C-alpha atoms as a PDB file:
ATOM      1  CA  MET A   1       0.000   0.000   0.000  1.00  0.00           C
ATOM      2  CA  HIS A   2       1.526   3.283  -1.124  1.00  0.00           C
ATOM      3  CA  MET A   3       0.316   6.860  -1.394  1.00  0.00           C
ATOM      4  CA  LYS A   4      -1.248   8.195  -4.577  1.00  0.00           C
ATOM      5  CA  ARG A   5       0.683  10.652  -6.690  1.00  0.00           C
ATOM      6  CA  GLY A   6      -0.729  13.669  -8.506  1.00  0.00           C
ATOM      7  CA  LEU A   7      -3.402  14.677  -6.000  1.00  0.00           C
ATOM      8  CA  TYR A   8      -2.032  18.165  -5.294  1.00  0.00           C
ATOM      9  CA  ARG A   9      -0.154  20.926  -7.054  1.00  0.00           C
ATOM     10  CA  ASP A  10       3.520  21.478  -6.276  1.00  0.00           C
ATOM     11  CA  GLU A  11       3.681  17.857  -5.206  1.00  0.00           C
ATOM     12  CA  ASP A  12       7.308  17.329  -6.238  1.00  0.00           C
ATOM     13  CA  ARG A  13       8.527  20.359  -4.319  1.00  0.00           C
ATOM     14  CA  VAL A  14       6.475  20.252  -1.128  1.00  0.00           C
ATOM     15  CA  ILE A  15       4.658  16.953  -0.666  1.00  0.00           C
ATOM     16  CA  LEU A  16       6.640  14.176  -2.363  1.00  0.00           C
ATOM     17  CA  PRO A  17       9.660  14.159   0.016  1.00  0.00           C
ATOM     18  CA  SER A  18       7.396  13.527   3.023  1.00  0.00           C
ATOM     19  CA  ILE A  19       5.222  10.849   1.442  1.00  0.00           C
ATOM     20  CA  GLU A  20       8.335   8.999   0.291  1.00  0.00           C
ATOM     21  CA  ARG A  21       9.634   8.968   3.877  1.00  0.00           C
ATOM     22  CA  ILE A  22       6.288   7.687   5.144  1.00  0.00           C
ATOM     23  CA  GLU A  23       6.353   4.874   2.585  1.00  0.00           C
ATOM     24  CA  ILE A  24       9.944   3.934   3.471  1.00  0.00           C
ATOM     25  CA  ALA A  25       9.065   3.750   7.181  1.00  0.00           C
ATOM     26  CA  TYR A  26       5.920   1.720   6.470  1.00  0.00           C
ATOM     27  CA  ASP A  27       7.772  -0.732   4.224  1.00  0.00           C
ATOM     28  CA  LEU A  28      10.456  -1.242   6.880  1.00  0.00           C
ATOM     29  CA  LEU A  29       7.865  -1.897   9.589  1.00  0.00           C
ATOM     30  CA  LEU A  30       6.171  -4.493   7.374  1.00  0.00           C
ATOM     31  CA  LYS A  31       9.432  -6.472   7.204  1.00  0.00           C
ATOM     32  CA  ILE A  32       9.245  -7.198  10.948  1.00  0.00           C
ATOM     33  CA  ARG A  33       7.485 -10.420  11.923  1.00  0.00           C
ATOM     34  CA  SER A  34       3.741 -10.026  12.347  1.00  0.00           C
ATOM     35  CA  SER A  35       3.320 -11.871  15.672  1.00  0.00           C
ATOM     36  CA  ASP A  36       5.246 -12.972  18.761  1.00  0.00           C
ATOM     37  CA  THR A  37       4.586 -14.042  22.353  1.00  0.00           C
ATOM     38  CA  ALA A  38       5.758 -12.531  25.638  1.00  0.00           C
ATOM     39  CA  SER A  39       5.693 -14.898  28.651  1.00  0.00           C
ATOM     40  CA  ILE A  40       5.738 -13.153  32.041  1.00  0.00           C
ATOM     41  CA  HIS A  41       6.122 -14.962  35.374  1.00  0.00           C
ATOM     42  CA  SER A  42       3.393 -14.477  37.949  1.00  0.00           C
ATOM     43  CA  LEU A  43       4.270 -12.594  41.124  1.00  0.00           C
ATOM     44  CA  ALA A  44       3.661 -15.790  43.104  1.00  0.00           C
ATOM     45  CA  SER A  45       6.195 -17.660  40.953  1.00  0.00           C
ATOM     46  CA  ILE A  46       8.864 -15.023  41.543  1.00  0.00           C
ATOM     47  CA  GLN A  47       8.184 -15.033  45.300  1.00  0.00           C
ATOM     48  CA  VAL A  48       8.557 -18.818  45.439  1.00  0.00           C
ATOM     49  CA  ALA A  49      11.857 -18.626  43.550  1.00  0.00           C
ATOM     50  CA  ALA A  50      13.110 -15.896  45.867  1.00  0.00           C
ATOM     51  CA  GLU A  51      12.070 -17.674  49.085  1.00  0.00           C
ATOM     52  CA  LYS A  52      12.653 -21.354  48.272  1.00  0.00           C
ATOM     53  CA  GLY A  53      14.813 -21.458  45.200  1.00  0.00           C
ATOM     54  CA  THR A  54      18.353 -20.360  44.469  1.00  0.00           C
ATOM     55  CA  PRO A  55      19.486 -16.793  43.765  1.00  0.00           C
ATOM     56  CA  GLN A  56      20.334 -17.967  40.249  1.00  0.00           C
ATOM     57  CA  GLU A  57      16.757 -19.122  39.609  1.00  0.00           C
ATOM     58  CA  ALA A  58      15.288 -15.895  40.990  1.00  0.00           C
ATOM     59  CA  CYS A  59      17.644 -13.880  38.772  1.00  0.00           C
ATOM     60  CA  ARG A  60      16.799 -16.002  35.757  1.00  0.00           C
ATOM     61  CA  GLN A  61      13.096 -15.297  36.239  1.00  0.00           C
ATOM     62  CA  LEU A  62      13.757 -11.569  36.560  1.00  0.00           C
ATOM     63  CA  LEU A  63      15.937 -11.584  33.442  1.00  0.00           C
ATOM     64  CA  SER A  64      13.327 -13.579  31.549  1.00  0.00           C
ATOM     65  CA  ASP A  65      10.583 -11.138  32.530  1.00  0.00           C
ATOM     66  CA  CYS A  66      12.764  -8.177  31.593  1.00  0.00           C
ATOM     67  CA  TYR A  67      13.426  -9.752  28.183  1.00  0.00           C
ATOM     68  CA  ASN A  68       9.747 -10.490  27.597  1.00  0.00           C
ATOM     69  CA  TYR A  69       8.589  -7.047  28.720  1.00  0.00           C
ATOM     70  CA  LEU A  70      11.059  -5.484  26.272  1.00  0.00           C
ATOM     71  CA  LYS A  71       9.677  -7.728  23.523  1.00  0.00           C
ATOM     72  CA  PHE A  72       6.181  -6.568  24.455  1.00  0.00           C
ATOM     73  CA  PHE A  73       7.383  -2.958  24.287  1.00  0.00           C
ATOM     74  CA  LEU A  74       9.000  -3.522  20.892  1.00  0.00           C
ATOM     75  CA  TYR A  75       6.170  -5.325  19.154  1.00  0.00           C
ATOM     76  CA  THR A  76       3.276  -3.283  20.521  1.00  0.00           C
ATOM     77  CA  ASN A  77       4.971  -0.120  19.268  1.00  0.00           C
ATOM     78  CA  VAL A  78       5.865  -1.649  15.894  1.00  0.00           C
ATOM     79  CA  PHE A  79       2.392  -3.068  15.307  1.00  0.00           C
ATOM     80  CA  LYS A  80       0.497   0.036  16.439  1.00  0.00           C
ATOM     81  CA  THR A  81       2.709   2.281  14.324  1.00  0.00           C
ATOM     82  CA  THR A  82       2.187  -0.015  11.343  1.00  0.00           C
ATOM     83  CA  LYS A  83      -1.590   0.191  11.781  1.00  0.00           C
ATOM     84  CA  LEU A  84      -1.380   3.973  12.114  1.00  0.00           C
ATOM     85  CA  ALA A  85       0.671   4.158   8.915  1.00  0.00           C
ATOM     86  CA  GLU A  86      -1.900   2.023   7.092  1.00  0.00           C
ATOM     87  CA  GLY A  87      -4.694   4.330   8.224  1.00  0.00           C
ATOM     88  CA  LEU A  88      -2.705   7.422   7.295  1.00  0.00           C
ATOM     89  CA  ILE A  89      -1.994   6.117   3.801  1.00  0.00           C
ATOM     90  CA  HIS A  90      -5.640   5.168   3.285  1.00  0.00           C
ATOM     91  CA  SER A  91      -6.948   8.539   4.507  1.00  0.00           C
ATOM     92  CA  TYR A  92      -4.405  10.323   2.283  1.00  0.00           C
ATOM     93  CA  ASN A  93      -5.441   8.326  -0.769  1.00  0.00           C
ATOM     94  CA  THR A  94      -9.170   8.892  -0.122  1.00  0.00           C
ATOM     95  CA  GLN A  95      -8.580  12.562   0.809  1.00  0.00           C
ATOM     96  CA  ASN A  96     -10.343  12.121   4.153  1.00  0.00           C
ATOM     97  CA  HIS A  97      -8.720  15.076   5.876  1.00  0.00           C
ATOM     98  CA  LEU A  98     -10.543  14.710   9.209  1.00  0.00           C
ATOM     99  CA  VAL A  99      -9.399  11.110   9.670  1.00  0.00           C
ATOM    100  CA  TRP A 100      -5.920  12.067   8.454  1.00  0.00           C
ATOM    101  CA  SER A 101      -5.679  14.752  11.152  1.00  0.00           C
ATOM    102  CA  ALA A 102      -6.765  12.384  13.928  1.00  0.00           C
ATOM    103  CA  LEU A 103      -4.230   9.755  12.885  1.00  0.00           C
ATOM    104  CA  ALA A 104      -1.524  12.376  12.365  1.00  0.00           C
ATOM    105  CA  ARG A 105      -1.946  13.541  15.952  1.00  0.00           C
ATOM    106  CA  SER A 106      -1.874   9.929  17.171  1.00  0.00           C
ATOM    107  CA  SER A 107       1.363   9.338  15.266  1.00  0.00           C
ATOM    108  CA  LEU A 108       3.020  12.154  17.227  1.00  0.00           C
ATOM    109  CA  GLU A 109       1.695  10.751  20.523  1.00  0.00           C
ATOM    110  CA  PHE A 110       2.860   7.187  19.866  1.00  0.00           C
ATOM    111  CA  SER A 111       6.236   8.369  18.618  1.00  0.00           C
ATOM    112  CA  ALA A 112       6.810  10.609  21.648  1.00  0.00           C
ATOM    113  CA  VAL A 113       5.836   7.928  24.180  1.00  0.00           C
ATOM    114  CA  PHE A 114       8.034   5.366  22.407  1.00  0.00           C
ATOM    115  CA  TYR A 115      10.985   7.745  22.631  1.00  0.00           C
ATOM    116  CA  TYR A 116      10.295   8.531  26.304  1.00  0.00           C
ATOM    117  CA  PHE A 117      10.406   4.884  27.370  1.00  0.00           C
ATOM    118  CA  GLN A 118      13.261   3.945  25.037  1.00  0.00           C
ATOM    119  CA  LYS A 119      15.374   6.736  26.517  1.00  0.00           C
ATOM    120  CA  LYS A 120      14.626   5.431  30.032  1.00  0.00           C
ATOM    121  CA  ILE A 121      15.538   1.868  28.985  1.00  0.00           C
ATOM    122  CA  GLU A 122      18.928   3.040  27.707  1.00  0.00           C
ATOM    123  CA  GLU A 123      19.658   4.589  31.107  1.00  0.00           C
ATOM    124  CA  PHE A 124      19.690   1.080  32.670  1.00  0.00           C
ATOM    125  CA  LYS A 125      22.642   0.078  30.431  1.00  0.00           C
ATOM    126  CA  LEU A 126      21.589  -3.551  30.000  1.00  0.00           C
ATOM    127  CA  SER A 127      24.820  -4.708  28.391  1.00  0.00           C
ATOM    128  CA  GLY A 128      27.015  -6.379  31.021  1.00  0.00           C
ATOM    129  CA  PRO A 129      29.558  -7.697  31.913  1.00  0.00           C
ATOM    130  CA  THR A 130      28.001  -6.897  35.310  1.00  0.00           C
ATOM    131  CA  LEU A 131      24.349  -6.223  36.027  1.00  0.00           C
ATOM    132  CA  SER A 132      22.895  -5.159  39.339  1.00  0.00           C
ATOM    133  CA  ILE A 133      19.568  -6.359  40.649  1.00  0.00           C
ATOM    134  CA  SER A 134      18.445  -2.711  40.752  1.00  0.00           C
ATOM    135  CA  GLN A 135      19.079  -2.388  36.984  1.00  0.00           C
ATOM    136  CA  ILE A 136      16.983  -5.451  36.217  1.00  0.00           C
ATOM    137  CA  GLN A 137      14.179  -4.521  38.601  1.00  0.00           C
ATOM    138  CA  GLY A 138      14.206  -0.896  37.469  1.00  0.00           C
ATOM    139  CA  CYS A 139      13.788  -1.901  33.829  1.00  0.00           C
ATOM    140  CA  GLU A 140      10.977  -4.308  34.726  1.00  0.00           C
ATOM    141  CA  GLU A 141       9.163  -1.647  36.779  1.00  0.00           C
ATOM    142  CA  LEU A 142       9.467   0.798  33.860  1.00  0.00           C
ATOM    143  CA  MET A 143       7.980  -1.746  31.462  1.00  0.00           C
ATOM    144  CA  ILE A 144       5.134  -2.493  33.888  1.00  0.00           C
ATOM    145  CA  LYS A 145       4.340   1.221  33.818  1.00  0.00           C
ATOM    146  CA  TYR A 146       4.340   1.105  30.022  1.00  0.00           C
ATOM    147  CA  ALA A 147       2.246  -2.078  29.807  1.00  0.00           C
ATOM    148  CA  HIS A 148      -0.308  -1.237  32.503  1.00  0.00           C
ATOM    149  CA  GLY A 149      -0.285   2.571  32.638  1.00  0.00           C
ATOM    150  CA  THR A 150      -3.735   4.090  32.213  1.00  0.00           C
ATOM    151  CA  ARG A 151      -5.806   7.190  32.872  1.00  0.00           C
ATOM    152  CA  PHE A 152      -9.130   5.393  33.094  1.00  0.00           C
ATOM    153  CA  ASN A 153     -10.682   3.447  35.967  1.00  0.00           C
ATOM    154  CA  TRP A 154     -10.760   0.040  34.288  1.00  0.00           C
ATOM    155  CA  GLN A 155     -10.950  -1.844  37.587  1.00  0.00           C
ATOM    156  CA  ASP A 156     -14.354  -0.466  38.616  1.00  0.00           C
ATOM    157  CA  LEU A 157     -15.693  -0.715  35.055  1.00  0.00           C
ATOM    158  CA  ILE A 158     -14.751  -4.404  34.808  1.00  0.00           C
ATOM    159  CA  GLN A 159     -16.218  -5.108  38.254  1.00  0.00           C
ATOM    160  CA  GLY A 160     -19.425  -3.242  37.401  1.00  0.00           C
ATOM    161  CA  ASN A 161     -18.930  -0.758  40.229  1.00  0.00           C
ATOM    162  CA  LEU A 162     -20.575   2.202  38.470  1.00  0.00           C
ATOM    163  CA  GLU A 163     -20.794   4.413  41.557  1.00  0.00           C
ATOM    164  CA  ALA A 164     -17.062   4.186  42.177  1.00  0.00           C
ATOM    165  CA  LEU A 165     -16.404   4.613  38.452  1.00  0.00           C
ATOM    166  CA  THR A 166     -18.515   7.791  38.344  1.00  0.00           C
ATOM    167  CA  ASN A 167     -16.687   9.205  41.353  1.00  0.00           C
ATOM    168  CA  SER A 168     -13.248   8.399  39.937  1.00  0.00           C
ATOM    169  CA  LEU A 169     -13.177   8.090  36.153  1.00  0.00           C
ATOM    170  CA  ASP A 170      -9.465   8.638  35.602  1.00  0.00           C
ATOM    171  CA  LYS A 171      -7.803   6.712  38.441  1.00  0.00           C
ATOM    172  CA  ASP A 172      -7.366   2.943  38.703  1.00  0.00           C
ATOM    173  CA  GLU A 173      -5.944   2.023  42.110  1.00  0.00           C
ATOM    174  CA  THR A 174      -4.652  -1.292  40.743  1.00  0.00           C
ATOM    175  CA  ARG A 175      -2.603   0.185  37.876  1.00  0.00           C
ATOM    176  CA  PRO A 176       0.069   2.876  37.495  1.00  0.00           C
ATOM    177  CA  PRO A 177      -0.799   6.172  35.774  1.00  0.00           C
ATOM    178  CA  SER A 178       0.196   6.399  32.130  1.00  0.00           C
ATOM    179  CA  ILE A 179       2.824   8.857  30.960  1.00  0.00           C
ATOM    180  CA  ASN A 180       1.448  12.310  30.215  1.00  0.00           C
ATOM    181  CA  ILE A 181       1.645  13.086  26.488  1.00  0.00           C
ATOM    182  CA  ILE A 182       2.963  16.613  27.066  1.00  0.00           C
ATOM    183  CA  THR A 183       5.752  15.170  29.231  1.00  0.00           C
ATOM    184  CA  ALA A 184       6.654  12.734  26.441  1.00  0.00           C
ATOM    185  CA  LEU A 185       6.626  15.559  23.865  1.00  0.00           C
ATOM    186  CA  ASP A 186       8.894  17.642  26.107  1.00  0.00           C
ATOM    187  CA  HIS A 187      11.426  14.806  26.034  1.00  0.00           C
ATOM    188  CA  LEU A 188      11.122  14.270  22.283  1.00  0.00           C
ATOM    189  CA  LYS A 189      11.628  17.941  21.407  1.00  0.00           C
ATOM    190  CA  LYS A 190      15.076  17.719  23.054  1.00  0.00           C
ATOM    191  CA  ARG A 191      16.136  14.696  21.016  1.00  0.00           C
ATOM    192  CA  ASP A 192      17.585  16.835  18.212  1.00  0.00           C
ATOM    193  CA  GLU A 193      16.892  19.954  16.178  1.00  0.00           C
ATOM    194  CA  ARG A 194      14.242  18.235  14.022  1.00  0.00           C
ATOM    195  CA  PHE A 195      11.808  18.010  16.927  1.00  0.00           C
ATOM    196  CA  LYS A 196      12.234  21.423  18.538  1.00  0.00           C
ATOM    197  CA  ASP A 197       8.785  22.587  17.352  1.00  0.00           C
ATOM    198  CA  ILE A 198       6.974  19.295  17.935  1.00  0.00           C
ATOM    199  CA  LYS A 199       4.668  20.793  20.587  1.00  0.00           C
ATOM    200  CA  ILE A 200       3.555  23.503  18.145  1.00  0.00           C
ATOM    201  CA  ALA A 201       2.660  20.803  15.619  1.00  0.00           C
ATOM    202  CA  TYR A 202       0.841  18.780  18.264  1.00  0.00           C
ATOM    203  CA  SER A 203      -1.191  21.773  19.424  1.00  0.00           C
ATOM    204  CA  MET A 204      -2.136  22.553  15.817  1.00  0.00           C
ATOM    205  CA  LEU A 205      -3.223  18.959  15.197  1.00  0.00           C
ATOM    206  CA  CYS A 206      -5.319  18.998  18.373  1.00  0.00           C
ATOM    207  CA  ASP A 207      -7.290  21.916  16.923  1.00  0.00           C
ATOM    208  CA  PHE A 208      -7.836  19.984  13.700  1.00  0.00           C
ATOM    209  CA  VAL A 209      -9.059  16.959  15.680  1.00  0.00           C
ATOM    210  CA  HIS A 210     -11.236  18.698  18.284  1.00  0.00           C
ATOM    211  CA  PRO A 211     -14.606  20.194  17.218  1.00  0.00           C
ATOM    212  CA  ASN A 212     -12.952  23.611  16.955  1.00  0.00           C
ATOM    213  CA  MET A 213     -12.379  26.096  14.157  1.00  0.00           C
ATOM    214  CA  ALA A 214      -9.659  24.078  12.427  1.00  0.00           C
ATOM    215  CA  SER A 215     -11.752  20.901  12.233  1.00  0.00           C
ATOM    216  CA  HIS A 216     -14.331  22.734  10.091  1.00  0.00           C
ATOM    217  CA  CYS A 217     -11.676  22.984   7.367  1.00  0.00           C
ATOM    218  CA  ALA A 218     -12.071  19.265   6.677  1.00  0.00           C
ATOM    219  CA  VAL A 219     -15.529  19.914   5.194  1.00  0.00           C
ATOM    220  CA  VAL A 220     -15.198  23.480   3.904  1.00  0.00           C
ATOM    221  CA  GLU A 221     -13.708  24.530   0.567  1.00  0.00           C
ATOM    222  CA  MET A 222     -10.833  26.978   0.510  1.00  0.00           C
ATOM    223  CA  PRO A 223     -12.162  30.572   0.213  1.00  0.00           C
ATOM    224  CA  CYS A 224     -12.013  31.954  -3.320  1.00  0.00           C
ATOM    225  CA  GLY A 225     -11.514  35.591  -2.414  1.00  0.00           C
ATOM    226  CA  GLU A 226     -13.214  38.496  -0.681  1.00  0.00           C
ATOM    227  CA  GLY A 227     -16.147  40.505  -1.991  1.00  0.00           C
ATOM    228  CA  LEU A 228     -19.299  42.007  -0.559  1.00  0.00           C
ATOM    229  CA  THR A 229     -20.139  38.606   0.889  1.00  0.00           C
ATOM    230  CA  HIS A 230     -18.041  35.764   2.218  1.00  0.00           C
ATOM    231  CA  ASP A 231     -19.242  32.583   0.564  1.00  0.00           C
ATOM    232  CA  CYS A 232     -18.527  29.537   2.692  1.00  0.00           C
ATOM    233  CA  VAL A 233     -18.849  26.386   0.602  1.00  0.00           C
ATOM    234  CA  MET A 234     -19.427  23.328   2.803  1.00  0.00           C
ATOM    235  CA  SER A 235     -18.633  20.041   1.118  1.00  0.00           C
ATOM    236  CA  LEU A 236     -18.387  16.382   2.068  1.00  0.00           C
ATOM    237  CA  ASN A 237     -15.367  16.211  -0.223  1.00  0.00           C
ATOM    238  CA  PRO A 238     -13.537  19.545  -0.443  1.00  0.00           C
ATOM    239  CA  GLY A 239     -11.321  20.050  -3.470  1.00  0.00           C
ATOM    240  CA  PRO A 240      -7.555  19.675  -3.901  1.00  0.00           C
ATOM    241  CA  GLU A 241      -6.786  23.197  -2.686  1.00  0.00           C
ATOM    242  CA  ARG A 242      -8.127  22.292   0.747  1.00  0.00           C
ATOM    243  CA  GLY A 243      -6.247  19.007   0.670  1.00  0.00           C
ATOM    244  CA  ALA A 244      -3.005  20.779  -0.156  1.00  0.00           C
ATOM    245  CA  PHE A 245      -3.638  23.106   2.807  1.00  0.00           C
ATOM    246  CA  PHE A 246      -3.850  20.115   5.165  1.00  0.00           C
ATOM    247  CA  MET A 247      -0.859  18.314   3.739  1.00  0.00           C
ATOM    248  CA  ILE A 248       1.484  21.289   3.633  1.00  0.00           C
ATOM    249  CA  LEU A 249       0.783  21.860   7.336  1.00  0.00           C
ATOM    250  CA  THR A 250       0.912  18.270   8.579  1.00  0.00           C
ATOM    251  CA  LEU A 251       2.776  15.868   6.270  1.00  0.00           C
ATOM    252  CA  ARG A 252       6.294  16.575   7.440  1.00  0.00           C
ATOM    253  CA  TRP A 253       5.311  16.008  11.079  1.00  0.00           C
ATOM    254  CA  VAL A 254       3.814  12.626  10.271  1.00  0.00           C
ATOM    255  CA  ALA A 255       6.949  11.651   8.348  1.00  0.00           C
ATOM    256  CA  MET A 256       9.086  12.803  11.261  1.00  0.00           C
ATOM    257  CA  ALA A 257       7.053  10.788  13.773  1.00  0.00           C
ATOM    258  CA  LEU A 258       7.392   7.592  11.736  1.00  0.00           C
ATOM    259  CA  ASP A 259      11.103   8.244  11.125  1.00  0.00           C
ATOM    260  CA  ASN A 260      11.569   8.531  14.873  1.00  0.00           C
ATOM    261  CA  VAL A 261       9.977   5.133  15.548  1.00  0.00           C
ATOM    262  CA  VAL A 262      12.091   3.394  12.898  1.00  0.00           C
ATOM    263  CA  GLU A 263      15.293   5.049  14.165  1.00  0.00           C
ATOM    264  CA  LEU A 264      14.647   3.826  17.717  1.00  0.00           C
ATOM    265  CA  LEU A 265      14.326   0.157  16.761  1.00  0.00           C
ATOM    266  CA  PRO A 266      18.057  -0.749  16.461  1.00  0.00           C
ATOM    267  CA  PRO A 267      19.031   0.614  19.916  1.00  0.00           C
ATOM    268  CA  LEU A 268      16.035  -1.189  21.436  1.00  0.00           C
ATOM    269  CA  CYS A 269      16.967  -4.493  19.805  1.00  0.00           C
ATOM    270  CA  ARG A 270      20.433  -4.464  21.401  1.00  0.00           C
ATOM    271  CA  PRO A 271      19.350  -5.067  25.038  1.00  0.00           C
ATOM    272  CA  ILE A 272      16.717  -7.556  23.814  1.00  0.00           C
ATOM    273  CA  GLU A 273      19.389  -9.546  21.985  1.00  0.00           C
ATOM    274  CA  PHE A 274      21.730  -9.297  24.983  1.00  0.00           C
ATOM    275  CA  LEU A 275      19.091 -10.665  27.380  1.00  0.00           C
ATOM    276  CA  LEU A 276      18.203 -13.457  24.960  1.00  0.00           C
ATOM    277  CA  ASN A 277      21.877 -14.476  24.792  1.00  0.00           C
ATOM    278  CA  LEU A 278      21.982 -14.535  28.592  1.00  0.00           C
ATOM    279  CA  LEU A 279      18.924 -16.731  28.820  1.00  0.00           C
ATOM    280  CA  ASP A 280      20.131 -19.261  26.248  1.00  0.00           C
ATOM    281  CA  GLY A 281      23.580 -19.418  27.863  1.00  0.00           C
ATOM    282  CA  SER A 282      25.607 -17.981  25.001  1.00  0.00           C
ATOM    283  CA  GLU A 283      26.666 -14.996  27.112  1.00  0.00           C
ATOM    284  CA  LYS A 284      27.755 -14.842  30.757  1.00  0.00           C
ATOM    285  CA  ILE A 285      27.514 -11.988  33.253  1.00  0.00           C
ATOM    286  CA  THR A 286      28.004 -11.279  36.944  1.00  0.00           C
ATOM    287  CA  ILE A 287      24.934 -10.286  38.969  1.00  0.00           C
ATOM    288  CA  ASP A 288      25.584  -7.674  41.669  1.00  0.00           C
ATOM    289  CA  PHE A 289      23.264  -8.236  44.656  1.00  0.00           C
ATOM    290  CA  THR A 290      24.656  -5.365  46.724  1.00  0.00           C
ATOM    291  CA  SER A 291      22.324  -2.722  45.203  1.00  0.00           C
END
């Protein structure tokens, strides 16, 4: 699935470089396997290993969980970004500017959160030859926050406790809070010069997505000029001038978000490969229990 050519004027100069980057990122993501399994030990299993087993067995379970949580982190980000890219390409090809805007904003959110957690993972330096228990546990706790973080009270919804749910919609006592998107964007904008204005782009996309002034543009033709009256032409399918307006403002940010995800994959794969080598015995390390 690729993006149509020839939809807008000045395509070669303004639009083509970004859509080519989106297609390259999408094609790379499609080369990654389409399914995998992460196996996490139960808390009871880890407690038994810690209390009745050997330190080696307890460490092995922690290392296995750390490896599997990192796999979960990798594949959930790859698969969600792939699905976003598919939706973006489809909405571009069908010139559905409202859907494009919603997915464009989501691409910035997913990309920023991926960078936030990947940066934190790198701080644990999971590379040996010595690992401390605090490194392993810290990485696992970070991944639990990623996997279970939420801003909705799922516990009371699942249990059918509507009174408690009504009183506390955004807090689940059984799960950690998810990372705030603005916090993630603040981290991403410091990554390098490309992202310094990422919060401006995100704020603009929010106005396109919310039922505000900018969202009307998705169903209103570009104005033709000023006269005694201002003629506002509402249309289910506005013409190419309106489409060019959307794409000139948003395309490069979408391309940048997808580039960011693809660029973060190699550094994430390194600790995953290292932990796998530990678990299959092809690499040896020393575990420091003092911290």
